[in-house]
N, C-alpha and C. Protein backbone atom coordinates (compact mmCIF):
# COMPACT_ATOMS: atom_id res chain seq x y z
N MET A 1 -90.43 -31.00 16.53
CA MET A 1 -89.44 -31.57 15.63
C MET A 1 -89.54 -30.91 14.26
N LEU A 2 -90.79 -30.78 13.78
CA LEU A 2 -90.99 -30.16 12.48
C LEU A 2 -90.56 -28.70 12.50
N ARG A 3 -90.84 -28.01 13.61
CA ARG A 3 -90.45 -26.61 13.73
C ARG A 3 -88.94 -26.48 13.74
N LEU A 4 -88.26 -27.41 14.43
CA LEU A 4 -86.80 -27.39 14.47
C LEU A 4 -86.22 -27.64 13.08
N ASP A 5 -86.81 -28.59 12.34
CA ASP A 5 -86.35 -28.86 10.97
C ASP A 5 -86.56 -27.64 10.08
N LEU A 6 -87.69 -26.98 10.24
CA LEU A 6 -87.97 -25.79 9.44
C LEU A 6 -86.98 -24.68 9.76
N LEU A 7 -86.71 -24.48 11.05
CA LEU A 7 -85.75 -23.46 11.46
C LEU A 7 -84.36 -23.79 10.91
N THR A 8 -83.98 -25.06 10.98
CA THR A 8 -82.68 -25.48 10.44
C THR A 8 -82.60 -25.21 8.95
N MET A 9 -83.67 -25.52 8.24
CA MET A 9 -83.68 -25.31 6.79
C MET A 9 -83.56 -23.81 6.46
N VAL A 10 -84.24 -22.96 7.23
CA VAL A 10 -84.16 -21.52 6.98
C VAL A 10 -82.74 -21.02 7.21
N ILE A 11 -82.12 -21.47 8.30
CA ILE A 11 -80.75 -21.04 8.59
C ILE A 11 -79.79 -21.54 7.51
N LEU A 12 -79.97 -22.80 7.10
CA LEU A 12 -79.10 -23.34 6.05
C LEU A 12 -79.31 -22.61 4.73
N ALA A 13 -80.54 -22.22 4.44
CA ALA A 13 -80.81 -21.48 3.21
C ALA A 13 -80.11 -20.12 3.26
N GLN A 14 -80.14 -19.48 4.41
CA GLN A 14 -79.46 -18.20 4.55
C GLN A 14 -77.95 -18.37 4.38
N LEU A 15 -77.42 -19.41 4.98
CA LEU A 15 -75.99 -19.65 4.85
C LEU A 15 -75.61 -19.98 3.41
N THR A 16 -76.46 -20.72 2.75
CA THR A 16 -76.20 -21.05 1.34
C THR A 16 -76.21 -19.79 0.49
N GLY A 17 -77.18 -18.92 0.74
CA GLY A 17 -77.23 -17.66 0.00
C GLY A 17 -75.99 -16.82 0.27
N SER A 18 -75.56 -16.79 1.52
CA SER A 18 -74.35 -16.04 1.86
C SER A 18 -73.13 -16.63 1.16
N ALA A 19 -73.07 -17.95 1.11
CA ALA A 19 -71.93 -18.60 0.47
C ALA A 19 -71.89 -18.28 -1.02
N LEU A 20 -73.03 -18.27 -1.65
CA LEU A 20 -73.07 -17.93 -3.07
C LEU A 20 -72.63 -16.49 -3.30
N PHE A 21 -73.04 -15.60 -2.40
CA PHE A 21 -72.64 -14.20 -2.51
C PHE A 21 -71.13 -14.08 -2.35
N ILE A 22 -70.58 -14.81 -1.38
CA ILE A 22 -69.13 -14.75 -1.14
C ILE A 22 -68.37 -15.33 -2.32
N ALA A 23 -68.84 -16.44 -2.86
CA ALA A 23 -68.16 -17.04 -3.99
C ALA A 23 -68.16 -16.10 -5.19
N GLY A 24 -69.22 -15.35 -5.35
CA GLY A 24 -69.31 -14.42 -6.47
C GLY A 24 -68.47 -13.18 -6.28
N SER A 25 -68.31 -12.75 -5.05
CA SER A 25 -67.61 -11.50 -4.82
C SER A 25 -66.15 -11.68 -4.40
N GLN A 26 -65.69 -12.94 -4.25
CA GLN A 26 -64.32 -13.23 -3.85
C GLN A 26 -63.97 -12.51 -2.54
N ALA A 27 -64.82 -12.67 -1.53
CA ALA A 27 -64.61 -12.01 -0.23
C ALA A 27 -63.62 -12.81 0.61
N SER A 28 -63.45 -12.42 1.86
CA SER A 28 -62.50 -13.07 2.75
C SER A 28 -62.99 -14.46 3.16
N ALA A 29 -62.18 -15.17 3.95
CA ALA A 29 -62.49 -16.54 4.32
C ALA A 29 -63.50 -16.63 5.45
N GLN A 30 -63.86 -15.52 6.08
CA GLN A 30 -64.85 -15.55 7.15
C GLN A 30 -66.01 -14.63 6.79
N ILE A 31 -67.21 -15.07 7.25
CA ILE A 31 -68.39 -14.22 7.06
C ILE A 31 -69.05 -14.01 8.41
N VAL A 32 -69.89 -13.03 8.50
CA VAL A 32 -70.63 -12.75 9.72
C VAL A 32 -72.10 -13.00 9.40
N ILE A 33 -72.76 -13.81 10.23
CA ILE A 33 -74.18 -14.09 10.02
C ILE A 33 -74.95 -12.81 10.32
N PRO A 34 -75.85 -12.38 9.41
CA PRO A 34 -76.55 -11.11 9.58
C PRO A 34 -77.39 -11.03 10.85
N THR A 35 -77.96 -12.13 11.35
CA THR A 35 -78.82 -12.06 12.52
C THR A 35 -78.05 -11.85 13.81
N ASN A 36 -76.77 -12.24 13.85
CA ASN A 36 -75.97 -12.09 15.05
C ASN A 36 -74.56 -11.68 14.62
N ARG A 37 -74.24 -10.43 14.78
CA ARG A 37 -72.98 -9.88 14.27
C ARG A 37 -71.76 -10.46 14.99
N SER A 38 -71.94 -10.96 16.20
CA SER A 38 -70.79 -11.46 16.94
C SER A 38 -70.43 -12.90 16.57
N THR A 39 -71.28 -13.59 15.85
CA THR A 39 -71.03 -14.98 15.48
C THR A 39 -70.47 -15.03 14.07
N SER A 40 -69.33 -15.67 13.92
CA SER A 40 -68.75 -15.80 12.59
C SER A 40 -68.60 -17.27 12.25
N VAL A 41 -68.67 -17.56 10.97
CA VAL A 41 -68.56 -18.94 10.49
C VAL A 41 -67.44 -18.97 9.48
N ASP A 42 -66.49 -19.87 9.66
CA ASP A 42 -65.42 -19.93 8.68
C ASP A 42 -65.86 -20.72 7.45
N GLN A 43 -65.07 -20.68 6.44
CA GLN A 43 -65.43 -21.25 5.14
C GLN A 43 -65.63 -22.77 5.24
N GLY A 44 -64.84 -23.46 6.05
CA GLY A 44 -64.97 -24.91 6.20
C GLY A 44 -66.30 -25.30 6.80
N GLN A 45 -66.73 -24.57 7.84
CA GLN A 45 -68.03 -24.85 8.44
C GLN A 45 -69.15 -24.58 7.46
N LEU A 46 -69.00 -23.52 6.69
CA LEU A 46 -70.01 -23.18 5.70
C LEU A 46 -70.11 -24.29 4.64
N GLN A 47 -68.97 -24.82 4.23
CA GLN A 47 -68.97 -25.90 3.25
C GLN A 47 -69.64 -27.15 3.83
N GLN A 48 -69.38 -27.43 5.11
CA GLN A 48 -70.02 -28.57 5.76
C GLN A 48 -71.54 -28.41 5.79
N LEU A 49 -71.99 -27.21 6.11
CA LEU A 49 -73.42 -26.95 6.15
C LEU A 49 -74.05 -27.09 4.76
N GLN A 50 -73.35 -26.60 3.75
CA GLN A 50 -73.86 -26.73 2.39
C GLN A 50 -73.94 -28.19 1.98
N ASN A 51 -72.91 -28.97 2.31
CA ASN A 51 -72.92 -30.39 1.98
C ASN A 51 -74.06 -31.12 2.68
N ARG A 52 -74.28 -30.78 3.95
CA ARG A 52 -75.37 -31.40 4.69
C ARG A 52 -76.72 -31.06 4.05
N LEU A 53 -76.89 -29.82 3.65
CA LEU A 53 -78.13 -29.40 2.99
C LEU A 53 -78.32 -30.14 1.67
N GLN A 54 -77.26 -30.27 0.90
CA GLN A 54 -77.36 -30.98 -0.37
C GLN A 54 -77.70 -32.45 -0.16
N ARG A 55 -77.12 -33.07 0.88
CA ARG A 55 -77.44 -34.48 1.18
C ARG A 55 -78.91 -34.62 1.57
N GLN A 56 -79.40 -33.70 2.40
CA GLN A 56 -80.80 -33.75 2.80
C GLN A 56 -81.72 -33.59 1.60
N GLN A 57 -81.40 -32.65 0.73
CA GLN A 57 -82.22 -32.45 -0.46
C GLN A 57 -82.20 -33.68 -1.35
N TYR A 58 -81.04 -34.30 -1.51
CA TYR A 58 -80.93 -35.51 -2.33
C TYR A 58 -81.77 -36.64 -1.73
N GLN A 59 -81.68 -36.82 -0.40
CA GLN A 59 -82.45 -37.87 0.25
C GLN A 59 -83.94 -37.63 0.12
N GLN A 60 -84.38 -36.38 0.25
CA GLN A 60 -85.79 -36.07 0.09
C GLN A 60 -86.24 -36.35 -1.34
N GLN A 61 -85.41 -36.03 -2.30
CA GLN A 61 -85.74 -36.28 -3.70
C GLN A 61 -85.85 -37.79 -3.95
N GLN A 62 -84.93 -38.57 -3.37
CA GLN A 62 -84.98 -40.02 -3.55
C GLN A 62 -86.23 -40.61 -2.89
N GLN A 63 -86.63 -40.07 -1.73
CA GLN A 63 -87.85 -40.54 -1.08
C GLN A 63 -89.06 -40.25 -1.94
N LEU A 64 -89.08 -39.08 -2.56
CA LEU A 64 -90.19 -38.72 -3.44
C LEU A 64 -90.23 -39.66 -4.64
N TYR A 65 -89.09 -39.95 -5.23
CA TYR A 65 -89.05 -40.87 -6.37
C TYR A 65 -89.53 -42.26 -5.97
N ARG A 66 -89.13 -42.72 -4.77
CA ARG A 66 -89.58 -44.05 -4.32
C ARG A 66 -91.09 -44.07 -4.13
N GLU A 67 -91.64 -43.00 -3.57
CA GLU A 67 -93.10 -42.91 -3.40
C GLU A 67 -93.80 -42.96 -4.75
N LEU A 68 -93.27 -42.23 -5.71
CA LEU A 68 -93.88 -42.24 -7.04
C LEU A 68 -93.79 -43.61 -7.69
N ASP A 69 -92.68 -44.31 -7.47
CA ASP A 69 -92.53 -45.66 -8.02
C ASP A 69 -93.52 -46.62 -7.38
N ARG A 70 -93.77 -46.47 -6.08
CA ARG A 70 -94.73 -47.35 -5.41
C ARG A 70 -96.14 -47.13 -5.94
N GLN A 71 -96.45 -45.90 -6.30
CA GLN A 71 -97.79 -45.58 -6.78
C GLN A 71 -98.00 -46.00 -8.22
N ALA A 72 -96.95 -46.21 -8.97
CA ALA A 72 -97.06 -46.58 -10.38
C ALA A 72 -97.71 -47.95 -10.51
N VAL A 73 -98.55 -48.10 -11.52
CA VAL A 73 -99.22 -49.37 -11.77
C VAL A 73 -98.22 -50.33 -12.41
N PRO A 74 -98.07 -51.52 -11.83
CA PRO A 74 -97.10 -52.46 -12.42
C PRO A 74 -97.59 -52.96 -13.78
N LYS A 75 -96.66 -53.22 -14.65
CA LYS A 75 -96.99 -53.71 -15.99
C LYS A 75 -97.43 -55.16 -15.88
N PRO A 76 -98.39 -55.56 -16.71
CA PRO A 76 -98.81 -56.96 -16.66
C PRO A 76 -97.71 -57.88 -17.19
N GLN A 77 -97.70 -59.09 -16.68
CA GLN A 77 -96.71 -60.07 -17.13
C GLN A 77 -96.99 -60.44 -18.59
N PRO A 78 -95.95 -60.59 -19.38
CA PRO A 78 -96.18 -60.95 -20.79
C PRO A 78 -96.70 -62.38 -20.89
N GLY A 79 -97.51 -62.64 -21.91
CA GLY A 79 -98.04 -63.97 -22.13
C GLY A 79 -96.95 -64.88 -22.65
N VAL A 80 -96.65 -65.91 -21.91
CA VAL A 80 -95.62 -66.86 -22.30
C VAL A 80 -96.29 -68.16 -22.69
N PRO A 81 -95.99 -68.67 -23.88
CA PRO A 81 -96.62 -69.93 -24.26
C PRO A 81 -96.15 -71.08 -23.36
N VAL A 82 -97.07 -71.96 -23.07
CA VAL A 82 -96.78 -73.10 -22.20
C VAL A 82 -96.58 -74.33 -23.07
N PHE A 83 -95.55 -75.07 -22.79
CA PHE A 83 -95.26 -76.29 -23.54
C PHE A 83 -96.12 -77.42 -23.01
N ASN A 84 -96.95 -77.97 -23.87
CA ASN A 84 -97.75 -79.14 -23.50
C ASN A 84 -97.06 -80.38 -24.05
N PRO A 85 -96.70 -81.29 -23.17
CA PRO A 85 -96.03 -82.50 -23.67
C PRO A 85 -96.99 -83.34 -24.51
N THR A 86 -96.44 -84.03 -25.45
CA THR A 86 -97.28 -84.88 -26.29
C THR A 86 -97.60 -86.15 -25.52
N CYS A 87 -98.84 -86.41 -25.40
CA CYS A 87 -99.30 -87.60 -24.69
C CYS A 87 -100.07 -88.48 -25.67
N ARG A 88 -99.91 -89.76 -25.50
CA ARG A 88 -100.66 -90.70 -26.33
C ARG A 88 -101.31 -91.72 -25.42
N MET A 89 -102.38 -92.25 -25.93
CA MET A 89 -103.11 -93.26 -25.18
C MET A 89 -102.65 -94.64 -25.61
N GLU A 90 -102.39 -95.45 -24.63
CA GLU A 90 -102.00 -96.84 -24.92
C GLU A 90 -103.01 -97.79 -24.27
N ALA A 91 -103.38 -98.75 -25.04
CA ALA A 91 -104.28 -99.77 -24.51
C ALA A 91 -103.47 -101.01 -24.20
N VAL A 92 -103.49 -101.42 -22.93
CA VAL A 92 -102.80 -102.61 -22.51
C VAL A 92 -103.84 -103.51 -21.82
N GLY A 93 -104.25 -104.48 -22.50
CA GLY A 93 -105.30 -105.36 -21.96
C GLY A 93 -106.60 -104.60 -21.87
N ASN A 94 -107.23 -104.61 -20.69
CA ASN A 94 -108.49 -103.90 -20.47
C ASN A 94 -108.27 -102.46 -19.99
N THR A 95 -107.05 -102.03 -19.79
CA THR A 95 -106.79 -100.67 -19.28
C THR A 95 -106.20 -99.78 -20.36
N ILE A 96 -106.60 -98.54 -20.29
CA ILE A 96 -106.05 -97.53 -21.20
C ILE A 96 -105.22 -96.59 -20.33
N SER A 97 -104.00 -96.45 -20.68
CA SER A 97 -103.12 -95.55 -19.92
C SER A 97 -102.62 -94.45 -20.83
N ARG A 98 -102.27 -93.38 -20.20
CA ARG A 98 -101.77 -92.21 -20.92
C ARG A 98 -100.27 -92.16 -20.73
N VAL A 99 -99.55 -92.05 -21.82
CA VAL A 99 -98.08 -92.03 -21.75
C VAL A 99 -97.63 -90.67 -22.29
N CYS A 100 -97.00 -89.90 -21.44
CA CYS A 100 -96.52 -88.56 -21.84
C CYS A 100 -95.01 -88.55 -21.84
N ARG A 101 -94.44 -87.96 -22.85
CA ARG A 101 -92.99 -87.86 -22.95
C ARG A 101 -92.57 -86.44 -23.15
């Protein structure tokens, strides 16, 4: 699987390089892949391959960012003052009770 992904990436990189060359030189709408002269790729297919490569790169970048975020140390919670209700002691007969409001 990893070898297939690597091979795909190499082919896509070659196609991307070819597309950049074509865009710079204003060549025709079809190119011939250097490794196999009989196989041609039209401009639409080339654009699809470039888009797929860009999506894969974006997804890999987002995965890397998520990993880095997981490794980051979380900030401590800020100290929030706690409201203590005012309580008073009341004596009723022999019992002392606490009345809080």
